[in-house]
PDB file of N, CA and C in Angstrom:
ATOM      1  N   UNK A   1      67.728 -85.817 -30.104  1.00  0.00           N
ATOM      2  CA  UNK A   1      69.038 -85.418 -29.631  1.00  0.00           C
ATOM      3  C   UNK A   1      68.929 -84.625 -28.326  1.00  0.00           C
ATOM      4  N   UNK A   2      67.987 -83.687 -28.243  1.00  0.00           N
ATOM      5  CA  UNK A   2      67.800 -82.888 -27.036  1.00  0.00           C
ATOM      6  C   UNK A   2      67.413 -83.788 -25.863  1.00  0.00           C
ATOM      7  N   UNK A   3      66.571 -84.768 -26.155  1.00  0.00           N
ATOM      8  CA  UNK A   3      66.146 -85.711 -25.132  1.00  0.00           C
ATOM      9  C   UNK A   3      67.342 -86.480 -24.573  1.00  0.00           C
ATOM     10  N   UNK A   4      68.254 -86.896 -25.428  1.00  0.00           N
ATOM     11  CA  UNK A   4      69.450 -87.629 -25.027  1.00  0.00           C
ATOM     12  C   UNK A   4      70.331 -86.756 -24.134  1.00  0.00           C
ATOM     13  N   UNK A   5      70.489 -85.485 -24.486  1.00  0.00           N
ATOM     14  CA  UNK A   5      71.303 -84.554 -23.689  1.00  0.00           C
ATOM     15  C   UNK A   5      70.682 -84.364 -22.312  1.00  0.00           C
ATOM     16  N   UNK A   6      69.362 -84.199 -22.233  1.00  0.00           N
ATOM     17  CA  UNK A   6      68.695 -84.040 -20.935  1.00  0.00           C
ATOM     18  C   UNK A   6      68.890 -85.280 -20.077  1.00  0.00           C
ATOM     19  N   UNK A   7      68.704 -86.446 -20.682  1.00  0.00           N
ATOM     20  CA  UNK A   7      68.879 -87.699 -19.955  1.00  0.00           C
ATOM     21  C   UNK A   7      70.316 -87.843 -19.466  1.00  0.00           C
ATOM     22  N   UNK A   8      71.264 -87.497 -20.311  1.00  0.00           N
ATOM     23  CA  UNK A   8      72.680 -87.556 -19.931  1.00  0.00           C
ATOM     24  C   UNK A   8      73.005 -86.597 -18.799  1.00  0.00           C
ATOM     25  N   UNK A   9      72.433 -85.400 -18.834  1.00  0.00           N
ATOM     26  CA  UNK A   9      72.652 -84.408 -17.777  1.00  0.00           C
ATOM     27  C   UNK A   9      72.104 -84.899 -16.450  1.00  0.00           C
ATOM     28  N   UNK A  10      70.911 -85.453 -16.480  1.00  0.00           N
ATOM     29  CA  UNK A  10      70.303 -85.986 -15.257  1.00  0.00           C
ATOM     30  C   UNK A  10      71.150 -87.121 -14.695  1.00  0.00           C
ATOM     31  N   UNK A  11      71.642 -87.983 -15.552  1.00  0.00           N
ATOM     32  CA  UNK A  11      72.473 -89.103 -15.130  1.00  0.00           C
ATOM     33  C   UNK A  11      73.770 -88.603 -14.490  1.00  0.00           C
ATOM     34  N   UNK A  12      74.414 -87.642 -15.098  1.00  0.00           N
ATOM     35  CA  UNK A  12      75.663 -87.091 -14.561  1.00  0.00           C
ATOM     36  C   UNK A  12      75.421 -86.426 -13.210  1.00  0.00           C
ATOM     37  N   UNK A  13      74.378 -85.645 -13.088  1.00  0.00           N
ATOM     38  CA  UNK A  13      74.050 -84.983 -11.811  1.00  0.00           C
ATOM     39  C   UNK A  13      73.785 -86.018 -10.727  1.00  0.00           C
ATOM     40  N   UNK A  14      73.051 -87.064 -11.066  1.00  0.00           N
ATOM     41  CA  UNK A  14      72.764 -88.122 -10.103  1.00  0.00           C
ATOM     42  C   UNK A  14      74.043 -88.812  -9.644  1.00  0.00           C
ATOM     43  N   UNK A  15      74.929 -89.116 -10.550  1.00  0.00           N
ATOM     44  CA  UNK A  15      76.197 -89.767 -10.198  1.00  0.00           C
ATOM     45  C   UNK A  15      77.027 -88.863  -9.297  1.00  0.00           C
ATOM     46  N   UNK A  16      77.103 -87.588  -9.625  1.00  0.00           N
ATOM     47  CA  UNK A  16      77.864 -86.651  -8.791  1.00  0.00           C
ATOM     48  C   UNK A  16      77.268 -86.539  -7.390  1.00  0.00           C
ATOM     49  N   UNK A  17      75.951 -86.496  -7.298  1.00  0.00           N
ATOM     50  CA  UNK A  17      75.281 -86.405  -6.002  1.00  0.00           C
ATOM     51  C   UNK A  17      75.566 -87.640  -5.161  1.00  0.00           C
ATOM     52  N   UNK A  18      75.412 -88.803  -5.749  1.00  0.00           N
ATOM     53  CA  UNK A  18      75.634 -90.057  -5.021  1.00  0.00           C
ATOM     54  C   UNK A  18      77.095 -90.174  -4.591  1.00  0.00           C
ATOM     55  N   UNK A  19      78.029 -89.856  -5.460  1.00  0.00           N
ATOM     56  CA  UNK A  19      79.441 -89.939  -5.086  1.00  0.00           C
ATOM     57  C   UNK A  19      79.777 -88.912  -4.012  1.00  0.00           C
ATOM     58  N   UNK A  20      79.137 -87.773  -4.026  1.00  0.00           N
ATOM     59  CA  UNK A  20      79.329 -86.762  -2.983  1.00  0.00           C
ATOM     60  C   UNK A  20      78.867 -87.254  -1.633  1.00  0.00           C
ATOM     61  N   UNK A  21      77.807 -88.034  -1.610  1.00  0.00           N
ATOM     62  CA  UNK A  21      77.323 -88.607  -0.355  1.00  0.00           C
ATOM     63  C   UNK A  21      78.350 -89.554   0.243  1.00  0.00           C
ATOM     64  N   UNK A  22      79.006 -90.347  -0.592  1.00  0.00           N
ATOM     65  CA  UNK A  22      80.009 -91.268  -0.081  1.00  0.00           C
ATOM     66  C   UNK A  22      81.243 -90.528   0.414  1.00  0.00           C
ATOM     67  N   UNK A  23      81.630 -89.468  -0.258  1.00  0.00           N
ATOM     68  CA  UNK A  23      82.782 -88.678   0.173  1.00  0.00           C
ATOM     69  C   UNK A  23      82.516 -88.042   1.520  1.00  0.00           C
ATOM     70  N   UNK A  24      81.307 -87.556   1.758  1.00  0.00           N
ATOM     71  CA  UNK A  24      81.003 -86.851   2.998  1.00  0.00           C
ATOM     72  C   UNK A  24      80.983 -87.758   4.219  1.00  0.00           C
ATOM     73  N   UNK A  25      80.928 -89.067   4.030  1.00  0.00           N
ATOM     74  CA  UNK A  25      80.929 -89.975   5.170  1.00  0.00           C
ATOM     75  C   UNK A  25      82.272 -90.683   5.340  1.00  0.00           C
ATOM     76  N   UNK A  26      83.309 -90.189   4.675  1.00  0.00           N
ATOM     77  CA  UNK A  26      84.615 -90.833   4.778  1.00  0.00           C
ATOM     78  C   UNK A  26      85.158 -90.721   6.195  1.00  0.00           C
ATOM     79  N   UNK A  27      86.025 -91.659   6.535  1.00  0.00           N
ATOM     80  CA  UNK A  27      86.609 -91.687   7.867  1.00  0.00           C
ATOM     81  C   UNK A  27      87.686 -90.606   8.008  1.00  0.00           C
ATOM     82  N   UNK A  28      88.007 -90.310   9.267  1.00  0.00           N
ATOM     83  CA  UNK A  28      89.083 -89.369   9.576  1.00  0.00           C
ATOM     84  C   UNK A  28      90.391 -90.137   9.672  1.00  0.00           C
ATOM     85  N   UNK A  29      91.516 -89.413   9.570  1.00  0.00           N
ATOM     86  CA  UNK A  29      92.806 -90.079   9.705  1.00  0.00           C
ATOM     87  C   UNK A  29      93.045 -90.467  11.168  1.00  0.00           C
ATOM     88  N   UNK A  30      94.011 -91.331  11.379  1.00  0.00           N
ATOM     89  CA  UNK A  30      94.284 -91.904  12.697  1.00  0.00           C
ATOM     90  C   UNK A  30      94.576 -90.827  13.749  1.00  0.00           C
ATOM     91  N   UNK A  31      95.380 -89.841  13.406  1.00  0.00           N
ATOM     92  CA  UNK A  31      95.742 -88.781  14.356  1.00  0.00           C
ATOM     93  C   UNK A  31      94.504 -87.987  14.787  1.00  0.00           C
ATOM     94  N   UNK A  32      93.638 -87.663  13.857  1.00  0.00           N
ATOM     95  CA  UNK A  32      92.415 -86.917  14.163  1.00  0.00           C
ATOM     96  C   UNK A  32      91.503 -87.735  15.061  1.00  0.00           C
ATOM     97  N   UNK A  33      91.374 -89.017  14.777  1.00  0.00           N
ATOM     98  CA  UNK A  33      90.539 -89.895  15.603  1.00  0.00           C
ATOM     99  C   UNK A  33      91.095 -89.981  17.019  1.00  0.00           C
ATOM    100  N   UNK A  34      92.397 -90.129  17.151  1.00  0.00           N
ATOM    101  CA  UNK A  34      93.021 -90.217  18.478  1.00  0.00           C
ATOM    102  C   UNK A  34      92.800 -88.932  19.283  1.00  0.00           C
ATOM    103  N   UNK A  35      92.920 -87.773  18.630  1.00  0.00           N
ATOM    104  CA  UNK A  35      92.688 -86.499  19.311  1.00  0.00           C
ATOM    105  C   UNK A  35      91.228 -86.378  19.746  1.00  0.00           C
ATOM    106  N   UNK A  36      90.312 -86.785  18.883  1.00  0.00           N
ATOM    107  CA  UNK A  36      88.891 -86.724  19.211  1.00  0.00           C
ATOM    108  C   UNK A  36      88.558 -87.646  20.379  1.00  0.00           C
ATOM    109  N   UNK A  37      89.115 -88.847  20.376  1.00  0.00           N
ATOM    110  CA  UNK A  37      88.883 -89.788  21.478  1.00  0.00           C
ATOM    111  C   UNK A  37      89.428 -89.239  22.790  1.00  0.00           C
ATOM    112  N   UNK A  38      90.628 -88.681  22.772  1.00  0.00           N
ATOM    113  CA  UNK A  38      91.226 -88.118  23.975  1.00  0.00           C
ATOM    114  C   UNK A  38      90.400 -86.944  24.501  1.00  0.00           C
ATOM    115  N   UNK A  39      89.914 -86.104  23.595  1.00  0.00           N
ATOM    116  CA  UNK A  39      89.089 -84.966  23.985  1.00  0.00           C
ATOM    117  C   UNK A  39      87.790 -85.436  24.627  1.00  0.00           C
ATOM    118  N   UNK A  40      87.139 -86.420  24.021  1.00  0.00           N
ATOM    119  CA  UNK A  40      85.874 -86.937  24.555  1.00  0.00           C
ATOM    120  C   UNK A  40      86.076 -87.515  25.949  1.00  0.00           C
ATOM    121  N   UNK A  41      87.106 -88.326  26.120  1.00  0.00           N
ATOM    122  CA  UNK A  41      87.383 -88.935  27.426  1.00  0.00           C
ATOM    123  C   UNK A  41      87.676 -87.867  28.475  1.00  0.00           C
ATOM    124  N   UNK A  42      88.512 -86.914  28.126  1.00  0.00           N
ATOM    125  CA  UNK A  42      88.867 -85.846  29.062  1.00  0.00           C
ATOM    126  C   UNK A  42      87.647 -85.027  29.459  1.00  0.00           C
ATOM    127  N   UNK A  43      86.800 -84.715  28.477  1.00  0.00           N
ATOM    128  CA  UNK A  43      85.589 -83.939  28.754  1.00  0.00           C
ATOM    129  C   UNK A  43      84.705 -84.681  29.743  1.00  0.00           C
ATOM    130  N   UNK A  44      84.465 -85.943  29.500  1.00  0.00           N
ATOM    131  CA  UNK A  44      83.593 -86.719  30.382  1.00  0.00           C
ATOM    132  C   UNK A  44      84.178 -86.839  31.783  1.00  0.00           C
ATOM    133  N   UNK A  45      85.454 -87.151  31.884  1.00  0.00           N
ATOM    134  CA  UNK A  45      86.099 -87.325  33.185  1.00  0.00           C
ATOM    135  C   UNK A  45      86.139 -86.031  33.994  1.00  0.00           C
ATOM    136  N   UNK A  46      86.263 -84.890  33.316  1.00  0.00           N
ATOM    137  CA  UNK A  46      86.388 -83.615  34.021  1.00  0.00           C
ATOM    138  C   UNK A  46      85.064 -82.903  34.276  1.00  0.00           C
ATOM    139  N   UNK A  47      83.989 -83.306  33.603  1.00  0.00           N
ATOM    140  CA  UNK A  47      82.718 -82.599  33.737  1.00  0.00           C
ATOM    141  C   UNK A  47      81.609 -83.412  34.402  1.00  0.00           C
ATOM    142  N   UNK A  48      81.777 -84.722  34.554  1.00  0.00           N
ATOM    143  CA  UNK A  48      80.737 -85.583  35.117  1.00  0.00           C
ATOM    144  C   UNK A  48      81.235 -86.304  36.358  1.00  0.00           C
ATOM    145  N   UNK A  49      80.306 -86.629  37.250  1.00  0.00           N
ATOM    146  CA  UNK A  49      80.640 -87.357  38.470  1.00  0.00           C
ATOM    147  C   UNK A  49      80.699 -88.856  38.184  1.00  0.00           C
ATOM    148  N   UNK A  50      81.472 -89.555  38.997  1.00  0.00           N
ATOM    149  CA  UNK A  50      81.509 -91.019  38.999  1.00  0.00           C
ATOM    150  C   UNK A  50      81.803 -91.660  37.649  1.00  0.00           C
ATOM    151  N   UNK A  51      82.703 -91.071  36.879  1.00  0.00           N
ATOM    152  CA  UNK A  51      83.125 -91.691  35.622  1.00  0.00           C
ATOM    153  C   UNK A  51      84.274 -92.639  35.953  1.00  0.00           C
ATOM    154  N   UNK A  52      84.007 -93.927  35.829  1.00  0.00           N
ATOM    155  CA  UNK A  52      85.020 -94.946  36.124  1.00  0.00           C
ATOM    156  C   UNK A  52      85.710 -95.437  34.853  1.00  0.00           C
ATOM    157  N   UNK A  53      84.964 -95.473  33.760  1.00  0.00           N
ATOM    158  CA  UNK A  53      85.553 -95.905  32.487  1.00  0.00           C
ATOM    159  C   UNK A  53      84.823 -95.227  31.334  1.00  0.00           C
ATOM    160  N   UNK A  54      85.570 -95.023  30.255  1.00  0.00           N
ATOM    161  CA  UNK A  54      85.014 -94.452  29.024  1.00  0.00           C
ATOM    162  C   UNK A  54      85.467 -95.348  27.876  1.00  0.00           C
ATOM    163  N   UNK A  55      84.500 -95.833  27.114  1.00  0.00           N
ATOM    164  CA  UNK A  55      84.820 -96.635  25.933  1.00  0.00           C
ATOM    165  C   UNK A  55      84.284 -95.917  24.701  1.00  0.00           C
ATOM    166  N   UNK A  56      85.179 -95.598  23.781  1.00  0.00           N
ATOM    167  CA  UNK A  56      84.776 -94.976  22.528  1.00  0.00           C
ATOM    168  C   UNK A  56      84.411 -96.092  21.555  1.00  0.00           C
ATOM    169  N   UNK A  57      83.209 -96.016  21.001  1.00  0.00           N
ATOM    170  CA  UNK A  57      82.739 -97.031  20.068  1.00  0.00           C
ATOM    171  C   UNK A  57      83.043 -96.635  18.630  1.00  0.00           C
ATOM    172  N   UNK A  58      82.819 -95.353  18.315  1.00  0.00           N
ATOM    173  CA  UNK A  58      82.963 -94.937  16.920  1.00  0.00           C
ATOM    174  C   UNK A  58      83.249 -93.438  16.828  1.00  0.00           C
ATOM    175  N   UNK A  59      84.120 -93.079  15.895  1.00  0.00           N
ATOM    176  CA  UNK A  59      84.378 -91.684  15.527  1.00  0.00           C
ATOM    177  C   UNK A  59      84.094 -91.604  14.033  1.00  0.00           C
ATOM    178  N   UNK A  60      83.176 -90.728  13.651  1.00  0.00           N
ATOM    179  CA  UNK A  60      82.753 -90.682  12.253  1.00  0.00           C
ATOM    180  C   UNK A  60      82.231 -89.300  11.879  1.00  0.00           C
ATOM    181  N   UNK A  61      82.073 -89.102  10.572  1.00  0.00           N
ATOM    182  CA  UNK A  61      81.489 -87.866  10.048  1.00  0.00           C
ATOM    183  C   UNK A  61      79.977 -88.059  10.037  1.00  0.00           C
ATOM    184  N   UNK A  62      79.275 -87.215  10.786  1.00  0.00           N
ATOM    185  CA  UNK A  62      77.827 -87.315  10.895  1.00  0.00           C
ATOM    186  C   UNK A  62      77.119 -86.854   9.634  1.00  0.00           C
ATOM    187  N   UNK A  63      75.827 -87.014   9.628  1.00  0.00           N
ATOM    188  CA  UNK A  63      75.017 -86.654   8.457  1.00  0.00           C
ATOM    189  C   UNK A  63      75.138 -85.182   8.082  1.00  0.00           C
ATOM    190  N   UNK A  64      75.342 -84.324   9.058  1.00  0.00           N
ATOM    191  CA  UNK A  64      75.462 -82.892   8.786  1.00  0.00           C
ATOM    192  C   UNK A  64      76.909 -82.478   8.491  1.00  0.00           C
ATOM    193  N   UNK A  65      77.836 -83.445   8.466  1.00  0.00           N
ATOM    194  CA  UNK A  65      79.213 -83.165   8.085  1.00  0.00           C
ATOM    195  C   UNK A  65      80.165 -82.971   9.246  1.00  0.00           C
ATOM    196  N   UNK A  66      79.664 -82.889  10.465  1.00  0.00           N
ATOM    197  CA  UNK A  66      80.518 -82.696  11.624  1.00  0.00           C
ATOM    198  C   UNK A  66      81.010 -84.013  12.197  1.00  0.00           C
ATOM    199  N   UNK A  67      82.051 -83.930  13.014  1.00  0.00           N
ATOM    200  CA  UNK A  67      82.595 -85.120  13.647  1.00  0.00           C
ATOM    201  C   UNK A  67      81.710 -85.549  14.807  1.00  0.00           C
ATOM    202  N   UNK A  68      81.420 -86.840  14.871  1.00  0.00           N
ATOM    203  CA  UNK A  68      80.620 -87.424  15.938  1.00  0.00           C
ATOM    204  C   UNK A  68      81.451 -88.493  16.637  1.00  0.00           C
ATOM    205  N   UNK A  69      81.331 -88.534  17.966  1.00  0.00           N
ATOM    206  CA  UNK A  69      81.994 -89.560  18.764  1.00  0.00           C
ATOM    207  C   UNK A  69      80.909 -90.234  19.596  1.00  0.00           C
ATOM    208  N   UNK A  70      80.821 -91.561  19.506  1.00  0.00           N
ATOM    209  CA  UNK A  70      79.846 -92.292  20.309  1.00  0.00           C
ATOM    210  C   UNK A  70      80.579 -93.286  21.190  1.00  0.00           C
ATOM    211  N   UNK A  71      79.939 -93.616  22.313  1.00  0.00           N
ATOM    212  CA  UNK A  71      80.555 -94.581  23.209  1.00  0.00           C
ATOM    213  C   UNK A  71      79.711 -94.838  24.441  1.00  0.00           C
ATOM    214  N   UNK A  72      80.358 -95.432  25.451  1.00  0.00           N
ATOM    215  CA  UNK A  72      79.695 -95.730  26.724  1.00  0.00           C
ATOM    216  C   UNK A  72      80.591 -95.304  27.877  1.00  0.00           C
ATOM    217  N   UNK A  73      79.963 -94.978  28.998  1.00  0.00           N
ATOM    218  CA  UNK A  73      80.693 -94.734  30.240  1.00  0.00           C
ATOM    219  C   UNK A  73      80.252 -95.778  31.253  1.00  0.00           C
ATOM    220  N   UNK A  74      81.192 -96.171  32.090  1.00  0.00           N
ATOM    221  CA  UNK A  74      80.940 -97.147  33.144  1.00  0.00           C
ATOM    222  C   UNK A  74      80.309 -98.428  32.603  1.00  0.00           C
ATOM    223  N   UNK A  75      80.629 -98.774  31.365  1.00  0.00           N
ATOM    224  CA  UNK A  75      80.179-100.003  30.712  1.00  0.00           C
ATOM    225  C   UNK A  75      78.671-100.126  30.536  1.00  0.00           C
ATOM    226  N   UNK A  76      77.912 -99.024  30.695  1.00  0.00           N
ATOM    227  CA  UNK A  76      76.469 -99.163  30.530  1.00  0.00           C
ATOM    228  C   UNK A  76      75.729 -97.934  30.037  1.00  0.00           C
ATOM    229  N   UNK A  77      76.266 -96.753  30.152  1.00  0.00           N
ATOM    230  CA  UNK A  77      75.554 -95.529  29.770  1.00  0.00           C
ATOM    231  C   UNK A  77      76.111 -95.000  28.449  1.00  0.00           C
ATOM    232  N   UNK A  78      75.238 -94.801  27.475  1.00  0.00           N
ATOM    233  CA  UNK A  78      75.674 -94.372  26.151  1.00  0.00           C
ATOM    234  C   UNK A  78      75.741 -92.852  26.042  1.00  0.00           C
ATOM    235  N   UNK A  79      76.559 -92.393  25.109  1.00  0.00           N
ATOM    236  CA  UNK A  79      76.647 -90.964  24.802  1.00  0.00           C
ATOM    237  C   UNK A  79      76.978 -90.783  23.332  1.00  0.00           C
ATOM    238  N   UNK A  80      76.698 -89.589  22.845  1.00  0.00           N
ATOM    239  CA  UNK A  80      77.064 -89.168  21.500  1.00  0.00           C
ATOM    240  C   UNK A  80      77.514 -87.715  21.605  1.00  0.00           C
ATOM    241  N   UNK A  81      78.665 -87.400  21.052  1.00  0.00           N
ATOM    242  CA  UNK A  81      79.226 -86.045  21.136  1.00  0.00           C
ATOM    243  C   UNK A  81      79.511 -85.486  19.757  1.00  0.00           C
ATOM    244  N   UNK A  82      79.317 -84.191  19.640  1.00  0.00           N
ATOM    245  CA  UNK A  82      79.770 -83.466  18.464  1.00  0.00           C
ATOM    246  C   UNK A  82      81.088 -82.802  18.810  1.00  0.00           C
ATOM    247  N   UNK A  83      82.125 -83.073  18.037  1.00  0.00           N
ATOM    248  CA  UNK A  83      83.457 -82.520  18.296  1.00  0.00           C
ATOM    249  C   UNK A  83      83.836 -81.601  17.148  1.00  0.00           C
ATOM    250  N   UNK A  84      84.267 -80.393  17.489  1.00  0.00           N
ATOM    251  CA  UNK A  84      84.714 -79.432  16.488  1.00  0.00           C
ATOM    252  C   UNK A  84      86.106 -79.838  16.008  1.00  0.00           C
ATOM    253  N   UNK A  85      86.244 -80.166  14.731  1.00  0.00           N
ATOM    254  CA  UNK A  85      87.509 -80.649  14.184  1.00  0.00           C
ATOM    255  C   UNK A  85      88.584 -79.561  14.206  1.00  0.00           C
ATOM    256  N   UNK A  86      88.208 -78.321  14.042  1.00  0.00           N
ATOM    257  CA  UNK A  86      89.192 -77.233  13.960  1.00  0.00           C
ATOM    258  C   UNK A  86      89.970 -77.031  15.254  1.00  0.00           C
ATOM    259  N   UNK A  87      89.336 -77.272  16.412  1.00  0.00           N
ATOM    260  CA  UNK A  87      90.030 -77.032  17.685  1.00  0.00           C
ATOM    261  C   UNK A  87      89.777 -78.114  18.733  1.00  0.00           C
ATOM    262  N   UNK A  88      89.113 -79.178  18.354  1.00  0.00           N
ATOM    263  CA  UNK A  88      88.824 -80.316  19.227  1.00  0.00           C
ATOM    264  C   UNK A  88      88.150 -79.892  20.536  1.00  0.00           C
ATOM    265  N   UNK A  89      87.098 -79.114  20.374  1.00  0.00           N
ATOM    266  CA  UNK A  89      86.252 -78.784  21.521  1.00  0.00           C
ATOM    267  C   UNK A  89      84.924 -79.509  21.349  1.00  0.00           C
ATOM    268  N   UNK A  90      84.223 -79.680  22.452  1.00  0.00           N
ATOM    269  CA  UNK A  90      82.938 -80.369  22.422  1.00  0.00           C
ATOM    270  C   UNK A  90      81.858 -79.347  22.089  1.00  0.00           C
ATOM    271  N   UNK A  91      81.119 -79.608  21.025  1.00  0.00           N
ATOM    272  CA  UNK A  91      80.049 -78.709  20.611  1.00  0.00           C
ATOM    273  C   UNK A  91      78.699 -79.121  21.157  1.00  0.00           C
ATOM    274  N   UNK A  92      78.516 -80.435  21.367  1.00  0.00           N
ATOM    275  CA  UNK A  92      77.243 -80.943  21.878  1.00  0.00           C
ATOM    276  C   UNK A  92      77.454 -82.322  22.476  1.00  0.00           C
ATOM    277  N   UNK A  93      76.518 -82.723  23.343  1.00  0.00           N
ATOM    278  CA  UNK A  93      76.554 -84.076  23.891  1.00  0.00           C
ATOM    279  C   UNK A  93      75.137 -84.563  24.115  1.00  0.00           C
ATOM    280  N   UNK A  94      74.903 -85.787  23.734  1.00  0.00           N
ATOM    281  CA  UNK A  94      73.639 -86.458  24.000  1.00  0.00           C
ATOM    282  C   UNK A  94      73.920 -87.579  24.984  1.00  0.00           C
ATOM    283  N   UNK A  95      73.138 -87.635  26.052  1.00  0.00           N
ATOM    284  CA  UNK A  95      73.364 -88.604  27.116  1.00  0.00           C
ATOM    285  C   UNK A  95      72.244 -89.628  27.134  1.00  0.00           C
ATOM    286  N   UNK A  96      72.615 -90.898  27.271  1.00  0.00           N
ATOM    287  CA  UNK A  96      71.634 -91.963  27.394  1.00  0.00           C
ATOM    288  C   UNK A  96      71.003 -91.961  28.773  1.00  0.00           C
ATOM    289  N   UNK A  97      69.959 -92.748  28.921  1.00  0.00           N
ATOM    290  CA  UNK A  97      69.232 -92.843  30.183  1.00  0.00           C
ATOM    291  C   UNK A  97      70.161 -93.280  31.312  1.00  0.00           C
ATOM    292  N   UNK A  98      70.041 -92.642  32.468  1.00  0.00           N
ATOM    293  CA  UNK A  98      70.829 -92.984  33.638  1.00  0.00           C
ATOM    294  C   UNK A  98      72.262 -92.485  33.600  1.00  0.00           C
ATOM    295  N   UNK A  99      72.565 -91.592  32.683  1.00  0.00           N
ATOM    296  CA  UNK A  99      73.925 -91.071  32.532  1.00  0.00           C
ATOM    297  C   UNK A  99      74.351 -90.363  33.823  1.00  0.00           C
ATOM    298  N   UNK A 100      75.628 -90.439  34.204  1.00  0.00           N
ATOM    299  CA  UNK A 100      76.093 -89.736  35.405  1.00  0.00           C
ATOM    300  C   UNK A 100      75.767 -88.238  35.360  1.00  0.00           C
ATOM    301  N   UNK A 101      75.642 -87.640  36.518  1.00  0.00           N
ATOM    302  CA  UNK A 101      75.305 -86.224  36.650  1.00  0.00           C
ATOM    303  C   UNK A 101      76.518 -85.339  36.371  1.00  0.00           C
ATOM    304  N   UNK A 102      76.215 -84.124  35.900  1.00  0.00           N
ATOM    305  CA  UNK A 102      77.277 -83.120  35.770  1.00  0.00           C
ATOM    306  C   UNK A 102      77.786 -82.738  37.152  1.00  0.00           C
ATOM    307  N   UNK A 103      79.071 -82.446  37.243  1.00  0.00           N
ATOM    308  CA  UNK A 103      79.617 -81.931  38.491  1.00  0.00           C
ATOM    309  C   UNK A 103      78.992 -80.566  38.741  1.00  0.00           C
ATOM    310  N   UNK A 104      78.786 -80.235  39.988  1.00  0.00           N
ATOM    311  CA  UNK A 104      78.146 -78.973  40.367  1.00  0.00           C
ATOM    312  C   UNK A 104      78.861 -77.780  39.732  1.00  0.00           C
ATOM    313  N   UNK A 105      80.177 -77.766  39.795  1.00  0.00           N
ATOM    314  CA  UNK A 105      80.958 -76.635  39.275  1.00  0.00           C
ATOM    315  C   UNK A 105      80.977 -76.568  37.746  1.00  0.00           C
ATOM    316  N   UNK A 106      80.471 -77.601  37.089  1.00  0.00           N
ATOM    317  CA  UNK A 106      80.488 -77.646  35.629  1.00  0.00           C
ATOM    318  C   UNK A 106      79.104 -77.450  35.009  1.00  0.00           C
ATOM    319  N   UNK A 107      78.126 -77.082  35.819  1.00  0.00           N
ATOM    320  CA  UNK A 107      76.756 -76.951  35.299  1.00  0.00           C
ATOM    321  C   UNK A 107      76.531 -75.662  34.520  1.00  0.00           C
ATOM    322  N   UNK A 108      77.108 -74.574  34.956  1.00  0.00           N
ATOM    323  CA  UNK A 108      76.935 -73.286  34.285  1.00  0.00           C
ATOM    324  C   UNK A 108      77.900 -73.094  33.120  1.00  0.00           C
ATOM    325  N   UNK A 109      79.091 -73.680  33.267  1.00  0.00           N
ATOM    326  CA  UNK A 109      80.140 -73.532  32.261  1.00  0.00           C
ATOM    327  C   UNK A 109      80.970 -74.809  32.268  1.00  0.00           C
ATOM    328  N   UNK A 110      81.337 -75.290  31.079  1.00  0.00           N
ATOM    329  CA  UNK A 110      82.155 -76.503  31.017  1.00  0.00           C
ATOM    330  C   UNK A 110      83.424 -76.334  31.821  1.00  0.00           C
ATOM    331  N   UNK A 111      83.781 -77.375  32.566  1.00  0.00           N
ATOM    332  CA  UNK A 111      85.073 -77.381  33.245  1.00  0.00           C
ATOM    333  C   UNK A 111      86.159 -77.676  32.217  1.00  0.00           C
ATOM    334  N   UNK A 112      87.390 -77.305  32.553  1.00  0.00           N
ATOM    335  CA  UNK A 112      88.503 -77.545  31.630  1.00  0.00           C
ATOM    336  C   UNK A 112      88.621 -79.018  31.297  1.00  0.00           C
ATOM    337  N   UNK A 113      89.004 -79.283  30.088  1.00  0.00           N
ATOM    338  CA  UNK A 113      89.221 -80.651  29.655  1.00  0.00           C
ATOM    339  C   UNK A 113      90.330 -80.687  28.653  1.00  0.00           C
TER     340      UNK A 113
END
C-alpha cells in the first residue's frame, strides 16, 4: 500500500510539472503582442542607423518566463529582444551578424522609443 501511494505521488508530481511547462509557454493575447511589436519596431528605428524595414517573426514567452520578440531588420539581419510586459520597455537585445550600428547619441543611454 505504501509503495502504491509513493508511486501515485510521483505520478501526480510529474503530471503537474509537465502541465506547468506547457502553461509557461502559452501565447500572449493579441493586444499584448501588438504592443510588443510596436515597441520593438520603435526601439530599433529610434536607436539604430539605417533601419529601412523591421519584420517581427515571433512574440513568445521565453524559457525563463519573459516575453521575447524575434525578427529581422532590412530583410537580412536577425535580432532577439526581451520585452518587459509590465511597461513594454526593452530589457535586452541580441543582434545577428552585420546588424546596423547604434546611433552615436544612443550608445550611452537608449534613445526614446
